[in-house]
């Protein structure tokens, strides 16, 4: 039998309706079309398919335009010279990305052998019997054994970023990396910083936003990949670095506890029963907050993991994160958010001696706003990470009560405490008090706003009275 002869897999390939509809629509296409890569792996595992890779001998870009017309999607030519295009389809289950490319080699087998890992080097013919598998490198066996194996000795030479992908995939399938592949990863770790910053960022974000990011980061540290992605962590003493991993782990558990995927057993499995009881009323708004995306659909979850790692272990974290944003080409809004998270007074969450009066809560929230929510979640993860198995339940419950008050203030009392409506503006203050534009006016407006939070200001007259008090005190 030819190595690309379709055969029955050990378990059925489960394709979503959108793929089967596409197969019917393209049944008469002149060139064979194959589904390859992660979509085949996901079909084998019965997992949802969000990205579909198609290859054909020639005419990939016209095929992409045909698919976009058939499925009412948008098409973008990614690389005209290499004949690669992307189709974006909105489905009831969310966005489906369809990448259509010409073979990387002369034929299908050559294309599959040039891919990264054997579990990604399987195919199924779109116009054929889609229950059959094409598997020249025995990727099915590696997938059954949860093994990440490179396709060839040149896999990492041709693209060092595949080392990060190996880490992500090994965690994703809860498997391990084959011995020779792991040795090759160590040999090519030094080449990773030579990748384009944008590609390094995107692969790093996939790792950090994926499942069990703490496990992935530990592997990266052991293999020698961490210096290329987060050198700020790689140079830390081992105890501090391990603390960062532990806090990321606990943050991952917290995000799972508020996610739509939470099951009845989640809280018990992660020891977060008290968390769920205390904060479940915010679950919907926290889900919306955490599921946000930045430029090019980068998940906010990845920024949270970076902020958590820096917050608990990197000195002068708010300043130290700036070079990281330059190095990985994060957008200015992402940079601003990271800095705001790290500057927020997250110690307020766990400092049981500090009062949580309205003025303290206003001062916490007025600057960071949404970043303050991130800081609360990170503070809770820090509390769990630093305590470890020695967590004192009484203290933990009191910390959760404080988090409940803080989040309740932001989500339910914003107009009263976080940002009360202005009763006076700077021009009116300057006119009434005969002041020139200066920093003094800003300080007076801050004093007025804080007095409003405390109930001392309700209109322009009471606001000016507070301003006069402040000026008199300064004089």
Protein backbone atom coordinates (compact mmCIF):
# COMPACT_ATOMS: atom_id res chain seq x y z
CA UNK A 1 0.00 0.00 0.00
CA UNK A 2 1.27 3.51 -0.86
CA UNK A 3 2.13 5.68 2.12
CA UNK A 4 -0.57 8.13 0.98
CA UNK A 5 -3.19 5.47 0.32
CA UNK A 6 -6.30 6.36 2.38
CA UNK A 7 -7.12 3.84 5.10
CA UNK A 8 -9.57 3.37 7.94
CA UNK A 9 -8.33 5.00 11.15
CA UNK A 10 -8.62 3.26 14.49
CA UNK A 11 -11.42 5.65 15.45
CA UNK A 12 -13.84 7.59 13.22
CA UNK A 13 -13.09 11.09 12.00
CA UNK A 14 -15.86 13.40 13.19
CA UNK A 15 -16.35 16.40 10.88
CA UNK A 16 -18.60 19.37 11.63
CA UNK A 17 -21.46 20.13 9.27
CA UNK A 18 -19.70 23.12 7.73
CA UNK A 19 -16.86 20.86 6.50
CA UNK A 20 -19.28 18.28 5.12
CA UNK A 21 -21.22 21.03 3.34
CA UNK A 22 -17.99 22.30 1.83
CA UNK A 23 -17.07 18.77 0.70
CA UNK A 24 -20.43 18.45 -1.11
CA UNK A 25 -20.08 21.87 -2.73
CA UNK A 26 -16.56 21.11 -4.02
CA UNK A 27 -17.19 17.51 -5.05
CA UNK A 28 -16.62 18.35 -8.72
CA UNK A 29 -13.47 20.47 -8.25
CA UNK A 30 -10.89 19.68 -10.99
CA UNK A 31 -7.98 19.23 -8.56
CA UNK A 32 -7.93 16.99 -5.46
CA UNK A 33 -8.35 19.02 -2.25
CA UNK A 34 -7.12 17.72 1.08
CA UNK A 35 -7.82 18.69 4.68
CA UNK A 36 -4.50 18.61 6.54
CA UNK A 37 -2.92 19.47 9.87
CA UNK A 38 -4.71 20.35 13.07
CA UNK A 39 -8.21 19.96 11.66
CA UNK A 40 -7.56 16.28 10.95
CA UNK A 41 -6.14 15.87 14.44
CA UNK A 42 -9.22 17.54 15.93
CA UNK A 43 -11.58 15.42 13.81
CA UNK A 44 -9.79 12.32 15.09
CA UNK A 45 -10.20 13.51 18.68
CA UNK A 46 -13.79 14.63 18.14
CA UNK A 47 -12.81 18.17 19.15
CA UNK A 48 -14.32 21.41 17.77
CA UNK A 49 -12.64 22.65 14.60
CA UNK A 50 -11.98 26.40 14.48
CA UNK A 51 -9.23 26.37 11.86
CA UNK A 52 -9.35 24.40 8.64
CA UNK A 53 -6.24 23.92 6.48
CA UNK A 54 -6.78 22.87 2.87
CA UNK A 55 -4.08 22.05 0.32
CA UNK A 56 -4.24 21.41 -3.39
CA UNK A 57 -1.74 20.98 -6.21
CA UNK A 58 -2.39 24.38 -7.81
CA UNK A 59 -4.91 27.21 -7.88
CA UNK A 60 -5.24 27.66 -4.11
CA UNK A 61 -6.13 31.36 -4.28
CA UNK A 62 -8.95 30.94 -6.83
CA UNK A 63 -10.19 28.02 -4.73
CA UNK A 64 -10.25 30.26 -1.65
CA UNK A 65 -12.34 32.83 -3.54
CA UNK A 66 -14.73 30.07 -4.60
CA UNK A 67 -15.08 28.90 -0.98
CA UNK A 68 -15.72 32.48 0.19
CA UNK A 69 -18.50 32.81 -2.39
CA UNK A 70 -20.02 29.45 -1.44
CA UNK A 71 -20.03 30.17 2.30
CA UNK A 72 -20.58 33.94 2.18
CA UNK A 73 -17.18 34.69 3.71
CA UNK A 74 -14.29 37.08 3.23
CA UNK A 75 -11.06 36.15 1.49
CA UNK A 76 -7.55 37.53 2.01
CA UNK A 77 -4.50 36.65 -0.06
CA UNK A 78 -1.78 35.89 2.48
CA UNK A 79 1.10 35.10 0.08
CA UNK A 80 0.48 35.50 -3.65
CA UNK A 81 3.88 34.06 -4.60
CA UNK A 82 3.35 30.86 -2.61
CA UNK A 83 -0.37 30.74 -3.50
CA UNK A 84 -1.78 30.97 0.02
CA UNK A 85 -5.10 32.60 0.94
CA UNK A 86 -7.38 32.74 4.00
CA UNK A 87 -11.16 32.64 4.13
CA UNK A 88 -13.05 33.90 7.19
CA UNK A 89 -16.47 32.37 7.76
CA UNK A 90 -18.96 33.31 10.50
CA UNK A 91 -20.84 30.22 11.68
CA UNK A 92 -23.36 29.63 14.48
CA UNK A 93 -20.46 28.15 16.46
CA UNK A 94 -18.18 31.15 15.93
CA UNK A 95 -15.53 32.24 13.43
CA UNK A 96 -14.01 29.55 11.18
CA UNK A 97 -10.64 30.31 9.56
CA UNK A 98 -9.99 28.38 6.35
CA UNK A 99 -6.43 28.53 5.03
CA UNK A 100 -6.02 27.35 1.44
CA UNK A 101 -2.51 26.71 0.10
CA UNK A 102 -0.69 25.04 -2.76
CA UNK A 103 1.40 21.99 -1.90
CA UNK A 104 4.69 22.82 -0.17
CA UNK A 105 6.34 20.13 -2.31
CA UNK A 106 5.65 18.33 -5.59
CA UNK A 107 2.87 16.17 -4.22
CA UNK A 108 0.76 15.50 -1.12
CA UNK A 109 3.28 13.17 0.50
CA UNK A 110 6.06 15.71 0.08
CA UNK A 111 3.81 18.38 1.56
CA UNK A 112 3.03 16.27 4.63
CA UNK A 113 6.67 15.35 5.18
CA UNK A 114 7.61 19.05 5.26
CA UNK A 115 5.18 19.77 8.10
CA UNK A 116 6.17 20.23 11.73
CA UNK A 117 4.99 17.14 13.67
CA UNK A 118 3.64 13.77 12.71
CA UNK A 119 0.29 14.41 14.41
CA UNK A 120 -0.08 17.39 12.05
CA UNK A 121 1.01 15.42 8.98
CA UNK A 122 -2.25 13.54 8.45
CA UNK A 123 -4.77 14.31 5.71
CA UNK A 124 -8.21 13.45 4.42
CA UNK A 125 -9.42 14.09 0.87
CA UNK A 126 -12.27 16.60 0.82
CA UNK A 127 -13.89 15.17 -2.32
CA UNK A 128 -13.33 11.58 -1.26
CA UNK A 129 -14.45 9.41 1.61
CA UNK A 130 -13.80 11.65 4.59
CA UNK A 131 -13.89 8.75 7.01
CA UNK A 132 -10.50 7.65 5.60
CA UNK A 133 -7.10 8.86 6.78
CA UNK A 134 -3.91 9.56 4.82
CA UNK A 135 -1.00 9.11 7.22
CA UNK A 136 2.47 8.58 5.70
CA UNK A 137 4.36 9.33 8.97
CA UNK A 138 2.22 7.28 11.38
CA UNK A 139 0.82 10.36 13.08
CA UNK A 140 -2.22 8.41 14.22
CA UNK A 141 -0.04 6.11 16.34
CA UNK A 142 1.76 9.09 17.86
CA UNK A 143 -1.58 10.77 18.57
CA UNK A 144 -2.88 7.64 20.31
CA UNK A 145 0.28 7.55 22.42
CA UNK A 146 0.12 11.34 22.99
CA UNK A 147 3.57 11.79 21.50
CA UNK A 148 4.96 14.89 19.79
CA UNK A 149 7.47 13.78 17.15
CA UNK A 150 9.09 15.99 14.51
CA UNK A 151 8.49 15.07 10.88
CA UNK A 152 12.17 15.24 9.95
CA UNK A 153 15.57 16.21 11.26
CA UNK A 154 15.15 19.55 9.45
CA UNK A 155 11.86 20.47 11.12
CA UNK A 156 13.35 23.00 13.56
CA UNK A 157 16.09 24.13 11.20
CA UNK A 158 13.52 25.35 8.72
CA UNK A 159 11.44 27.08 11.43
CA UNK A 160 12.71 27.44 15.03
CA UNK A 161 9.24 28.62 16.14
CA UNK A 162 8.17 25.01 15.89
CA UNK A 163 9.94 24.48 19.20
CA UNK A 164 7.29 26.62 20.91
CA UNK A 165 4.56 24.84 18.97
CA UNK A 166 5.85 21.50 20.24
CA UNK A 167 5.47 22.74 23.81
CA UNK A 168 1.94 24.00 23.19
CA UNK A 169 0.83 20.79 21.48
CA UNK A 170 2.32 18.55 24.16
CA UNK A 171 0.33 20.39 26.82
CA UNK A 172 -2.77 20.53 24.65
CA UNK A 173 -2.91 16.75 24.20
CA UNK A 174 -1.58 16.13 27.73
CA UNK A 175 1.28 14.17 26.23
CA UNK A 176 5.05 14.30 26.02
CA UNK A 177 7.76 15.10 23.50
CA UNK A 178 9.68 12.29 21.82
CA UNK A 179 13.33 12.03 22.91
CA UNK A 180 15.07 13.00 19.66
CA UNK A 181 12.56 15.80 19.08
CA UNK A 182 13.28 17.15 22.57
CA UNK A 183 17.03 17.01 21.96
CA UNK A 184 16.56 18.91 18.70
CA UNK A 185 14.48 21.53 20.50
CA UNK A 186 17.31 22.15 22.94
CA UNK A 187 19.79 22.45 20.07
CA UNK A 188 17.64 24.99 18.24
CA UNK A 189 16.52 27.05 21.27
CA UNK A 190 19.26 29.62 20.61
CA UNK A 191 17.80 30.30 17.14
CA UNK A 192 14.38 31.24 18.50
CA UNK A 193 15.15 34.97 19.05
CA UNK A 194 15.99 35.17 15.34
CA UNK A 195 12.36 34.61 14.39
CA UNK A 196 10.34 37.65 13.41
CA UNK A 197 9.02 39.46 16.52
CA UNK A 198 5.44 39.23 15.28
CA UNK A 199 5.57 35.47 14.75
CA UNK A 200 7.34 34.97 18.08
CA UNK A 201 4.64 37.06 19.77
CA UNK A 202 1.78 35.18 18.14
CA UNK A 203 3.14 31.73 19.01
CA UNK A 204 3.94 32.87 22.56
CA UNK A 205 0.41 34.24 22.95
CA UNK A 206 -1.02 30.90 21.84
CA UNK A 207 1.01 29.19 24.56
CA UNK A 208 0.01 31.66 27.28
CA UNK A 209 -3.66 31.74 26.29
CA UNK A 210 -3.91 27.98 25.95
CA UNK A 211 -4.69 25.32 28.50
CA UNK A 212 -2.30 24.83 31.45
CA UNK A 213 0.07 27.69 30.59
CA UNK A 214 2.04 27.01 33.77
CA UNK A 215 2.92 23.53 32.49
CA UNK A 216 3.97 24.97 29.13
CA UNK A 217 6.18 27.57 30.78
CA UNK A 218 7.88 24.96 32.93
CA UNK A 219 8.70 22.96 29.80
CA UNK A 220 9.96 26.11 28.09
CA UNK A 221 12.20 26.79 31.07
CA UNK A 222 13.66 23.28 31.09
CA UNK A 223 14.21 23.14 27.33
CA UNK A 224 15.77 26.61 27.17
CA UNK A 225 13.02 28.44 25.27
CA UNK A 226 11.99 30.82 28.05
CA UNK A 227 14.84 33.34 27.50
CA UNK A 228 13.54 34.09 24.00
CA UNK A 229 9.99 34.75 25.18
CA UNK A 230 10.23 35.99 28.78
CA UNK A 231 13.89 36.61 29.64
CA UNK A 232 12.69 38.60 32.65
CA UNK A 233 11.57 35.29 34.17
CA UNK A 234 14.44 33.15 32.91
CA UNK A 235 17.00 35.25 34.81
CA UNK A 236 15.15 35.04 38.14
CA UNK A 237 16.32 32.80 40.97
CA UNK A 238 14.69 29.41 40.57
CA UNK A 239 12.45 29.90 43.63
CA UNK A 240 11.06 33.17 42.26
CA UNK A 241 10.54 31.66 38.83
CA UNK A 242 8.71 28.71 40.33
CA UNK A 243 6.51 31.15 42.27
CA UNK A 244 5.59 32.86 38.99
CA UNK A 245 4.62 29.49 37.50
CA UNK A 246 2.58 28.64 40.58
CA UNK A 247 0.66 31.94 40.48
CA UNK A 248 -0.05 31.45 36.77
CA UNK A 249 -1.36 27.97 37.60
CA UNK A 250 -3.73 29.34 40.23
CA UNK A 251 -4.87 32.13 37.91
CA UNK A 252 -5.60 29.50 35.27
CA UNK A 253 -7.73 27.64 37.82
CA UNK A 254 -9.58 30.84 38.73
CA UNK A 255 -10.31 31.60 35.08
CA UNK A 256 -11.57 28.05 34.62
CA UNK A 257 -13.87 28.50 37.63
CA UNK A 258 -15.52 31.55 36.03
CA UNK A 259 -15.51 30.20 32.46
CA UNK A 260 -18.50 28.74 30.58
CA UNK A 261 -16.63 25.41 30.62
CA UNK A 262 -16.85 25.13 34.41
CA UNK A 263 -18.42 21.88 35.51
CA UNK A 264 -19.89 20.93 38.86
CA UNK A 265 -16.56 19.32 39.72
CA UNK A 266 -14.30 22.22 38.69
CA UNK A 267 -14.41 24.13 41.96
CA UNK A 268 -13.84 20.96 43.97
CA UNK A 269 -10.96 19.85 41.75
CA UNK A 270 -9.13 23.16 42.15
CA UNK A 271 -10.11 23.84 45.76
CA UNK A 272 -12.09 26.90 44.72
CA UNK A 273 -15.42 26.21 46.38
CA UNK A 274 -15.24 29.35 48.52
CA UNK A 275 -14.28 31.38 45.44
CA UNK A 276 -17.38 30.21 43.58
CA UNK A 277 -19.66 30.88 46.55
CA UNK A 278 -18.28 34.37 47.10
CA UNK A 279 -17.88 35.65 43.55
CA UNK A 280 -20.28 33.68 41.37
CA UNK A 281 -22.64 36.62 41.08
CA UNK A 282 -19.97 38.30 38.94
CA UNK A 283 -19.40 35.24 36.77
CA UNK A 284 -21.13 36.58 33.65
CA UNK A 285 -19.39 39.97 33.68
CA UNK A 286 -16.04 38.36 34.49
CA UNK A 287 -16.49 35.95 31.58
CA UNK A 288 -17.08 38.89 29.27
CA UNK A 289 -14.09 40.71 30.73
CA UNK A 290 -11.67 37.80 30.38
CA UNK A 291 -12.86 36.76 26.91
CA UNK A 292 -11.93 40.13 25.37
CA UNK A 293 -9.50 40.25 22.45
CA UNK A 294 -6.86 42.71 21.35
CA UNK A 295 -5.42 43.46 17.91
CA UNK A 296 -5.50 40.53 15.46
CA UNK A 297 -7.71 38.53 17.86
CA UNK A 298 -5.02 38.15 20.52
CA UNK A 299 -6.79 36.88 23.66
CA UNK A 300 -6.77 39.06 26.76
CA UNK A 301 -6.07 35.88 28.72
CA UNK A 302 -2.46 35.93 27.47
CA UNK A 303 -1.92 39.45 28.86
CA UNK A 304 -3.32 38.29 32.19
CA UNK A 305 -0.76 35.50 32.37
CA UNK A 306 2.12 37.86 31.56
CA UNK A 307 0.91 40.36 34.15
CA UNK A 308 0.56 37.64 36.79
CA UNK A 309 4.09 36.36 36.17
CA UNK A 310 5.60 39.85 36.38
CA UNK A 311 3.47 40.98 39.33
CA UNK A 312 4.59 38.26 41.70
CA UNK A 313 8.25 37.93 40.79
CA UNK A 314 9.81 40.67 38.63
CA UNK A 315 11.19 43.76 40.42
CA UNK A 316 9.74 47.07 39.19
CA UNK A 317 7.29 45.07 37.14
CA UNK A 318 5.45 48.02 35.55
CA UNK A 319 8.72 49.33 34.13
CA UNK A 320 10.13 45.91 33.27
CA UNK A 321 7.15 45.02 31.08
CA UNK A 322 7.88 47.90 28.71
CA UNK A 323 10.87 46.20 26.99
CA UNK A 324 8.80 43.03 26.62
CA UNK A 325 6.14 44.98 24.72
CA UNK A 326 8.84 46.41 22.43
CA UNK A 327 10.43 43.02 21.88
CA UNK A 328 7.20 41.18 21.03
CA UNK A 329 5.54 44.08 19.20
CA UNK A 330 2.49 44.31 21.42
CA UNK A 331 0.14 47.14 20.48
CA UNK A 332 0.09 50.39 22.45
CA UNK A 333 -3.30 49.52 24.04
CA UNK A 334 -1.90 46.16 25.16
CA UNK A 335 1.17 47.89 26.59
CA UNK A 336 -1.01 50.42 28.42
CA UNK A 337 -3.19 47.66 29.86
CA UNK A 338 -0.22 45.65 31.15
CA UNK A 339 1.29 48.72 32.80
CA UNK A 340 -2.06 49.67 34.34
CA UNK A 341 -2.52 46.18 35.79
CA UNK A 342 0.95 46.23 37.33
CA UNK A 343 0.50 49.73 38.75
CA UNK A 344 -2.86 48.94 40.34
CA UNK A 345 -2.89 48.66 44.12
CA UNK A 346 -3.63 44.93 44.11
CA UNK A 347 -2.24 44.63 47.67
CA UNK A 348 -5.55 46.16 48.77
CA UNK A 349 -7.27 42.84 48.05
CA UNK A 350 -5.30 40.82 50.59
CA UNK A 351 -4.39 43.49 53.17
CA UNK A 352 -6.97 42.68 55.81
CA UNK A 353 -5.99 45.71 57.92
CA UNK A 354 -6.87 48.34 55.33
CA UNK A 355 -10.44 49.64 55.38
CA UNK A 356 -12.61 49.33 52.30
CA UNK A 357 -14.49 52.60 52.64
CA UNK A 358 -15.84 54.36 49.57
CA UNK A 359 -12.90 56.74 49.31
CA UNK A 360 -10.36 53.88 49.33
CA UNK A 361 -12.40 52.01 46.74
CA UNK A 362 -12.68 55.12 44.58
CA UNK A 363 -8.92 55.66 44.67
CA UNK A 364 -8.35 52.03 43.73
CA UNK A 365 -10.71 52.03 40.75
CA UNK A 366 -10.53 55.55 39.35
CA UNK A 367 -7.17 55.09 37.65
CA UNK A 368 -7.01 51.47 36.43
CA UNK A 369 -10.72 50.85 35.69
CA UNK A 370 -10.86 47.53 33.75
CA UNK A 371 -7.22 46.84 34.61
CA UNK A 372 -8.29 46.88 38.24
CA UNK A 373 -10.44 43.81 37.59
CA UNK A 374 -7.38 42.03 36.23
CA UNK A 375 -5.41 43.09 39.30
CA UNK A 376 -8.07 41.66 41.64
CA UNK A 377 -7.96 38.29 39.88
CA UNK A 378 -4.15 38.28 39.96
CA UNK A 379 -4.15 39.21 43.66
CA UNK A 380 -6.39 36.22 44.40
CA UNK A 381 -4.07 33.96 42.39
CA UNK A 382 -1.09 35.34 44.31
CA UNK A 383 -2.80 34.63 47.62
CA UNK A 384 -3.35 31.02 46.58
CA UNK A 385 0.06 30.60 44.99
CA UNK A 386 2.04 31.96 47.91
CA UNK A 387 0.05 30.01 50.50
CA UNK A 388 0.15 26.70 48.65
CA UNK A 389 -1.02 23.77 50.73
CA UNK A 390 -0.73 25.94 53.87
CA UNK A 391 -3.70 28.10 52.82
CA UNK A 392 -5.61 29.30 55.86
CA UNK A 393 -9.30 28.99 55.04
CA UNK A 394 -10.41 31.74 57.43
CA UNK A 395 -8.01 34.22 55.88
CA UNK A 396 -8.94 33.09 52.36
CA UNK A 397 -12.63 33.68 53.06
CA UNK A 398 -11.86 37.18 54.35
CA UNK A 399 -9.77 37.95 51.26
CA UNK A 400 -12.64 36.75 49.07
CA UNK A 401 -15.03 39.01 50.98
CA UNK A 402 -12.79 41.96 50.19
CA UNK A 403 -12.64 40.95 46.53
CA UNK A 404 -16.44 40.71 46.54
CA UNK A 405 -16.75 44.27 47.88
CA UNK A 406 -14.21 45.59 45.38
CA UNK A 407 -15.75 43.90 42.34
CA UNK A 408 -19.23 44.87 43.52
CA UNK A 409 -18.11 48.48 43.64
CA UNK A 410 -16.82 48.38 40.07
CA UNK A 411 -19.66 46.42 38.47
CA UNK A 412 -22.60 47.65 40.55
CA UNK A 413 -21.71 51.07 42.01
CA UNK A 414 -19.63 52.66 39.26
CA UNK A 415 -21.70 55.86 39.00
CA UNK A 416 -21.66 56.31 42.74
CA UNK A 417 -18.09 55.41 43.70
CA UNK A 418 -15.84 54.69 40.71
CA UNK A 419 -16.65 57.74 38.58
CA UNK A 420 -19.46 59.91 39.95
CA UNK A 421 -20.92 62.40 37.44
CA UNK A 422 -19.06 65.70 37.49
CA UNK A 423 -20.92 68.58 39.16
CA UNK A 424 -18.40 71.21 38.06
CA UNK A 425 -15.64 71.61 35.49
CA UNK A 426 -12.18 73.15 35.59
CA UNK A 427 -13.20 76.32 33.75
CA UNK A 428 -15.92 77.06 36.30
CA UNK A 429 -13.49 76.46 39.16
CA UNK A 430 -10.89 78.80 37.64
CA UNK A 431 -13.48 81.51 36.99
CA UNK A 432 -15.06 81.33 40.44
CA UNK A 433 -11.73 81.23 42.31
CA UNK A 434 -9.82 83.52 39.93
CA UNK A 435 -7.19 80.90 39.14
CA UNK A 436 -4.95 80.49 36.12
CA UNK A 437 -4.55 77.11 34.37
CA UNK A 438 -2.13 75.03 36.44
CA UNK A 439 -1.70 71.71 38.22
CA UNK A 440 -3.54 73.25 41.16
CA UNK A 441 -6.81 73.11 39.22
CA UNK A 442 -6.40 69.37 38.65
CA UNK A 443 -5.77 68.85 42.36
CA UNK A 444 -8.89 70.83 43.22
CA UNK A 445 -11.01 68.75 40.83
CA UNK A 446 -9.63 65.58 42.42
CA UNK A 447 -10.49 66.87 45.91
CA UNK A 448 -13.99 67.77 44.72
CA UNK A 449 -14.52 64.34 43.16
CA UNK A 450 -13.32 62.53 46.29
CA UNK A 451 -15.52 64.73 48.49
CA UNK A 452 -18.43 63.84 46.20
CA UNK A 453 -17.73 60.14 46.78
CA UNK A 454 -17.82 60.76 50.53
CA UNK A 455 -21.16 62.59 50.26
CA UNK A 456 -19.89 66.11 50.93
CA UNK A 457 -20.48 67.42 47.41
CA UNK A 458 -23.75 67.34 45.48
CA UNK A 459 -23.73 70.51 43.40
CA UNK A 460 -21.48 73.31 42.13
CA UNK A 461 -21.78 75.38 45.31
CA UNK A 462 -20.66 72.57 47.60
CA UNK A 463 -17.91 71.72 45.12
CA UNK A 464 -16.56 75.29 45.26
CA UNK A 465 -16.74 75.22 49.03
CA UNK A 466 -14.47 72.15 49.06
CA UNK A 467 -12.11 73.83 46.59
CA UNK A 468 -11.86 76.89 48.85
CA UNK A 469 -11.10 74.66 51.82
CA UNK A 470 -8.25 73.04 49.91
CA UNK A 471 -6.83 76.39 48.85
CA UNK A 472 -7.07 77.76 52.38
CA UNK A 473 -5.28 74.69 53.74
CA UNK A 474 -2.48 75.15 51.21
CA UNK A 475 -2.17 78.82 52.07
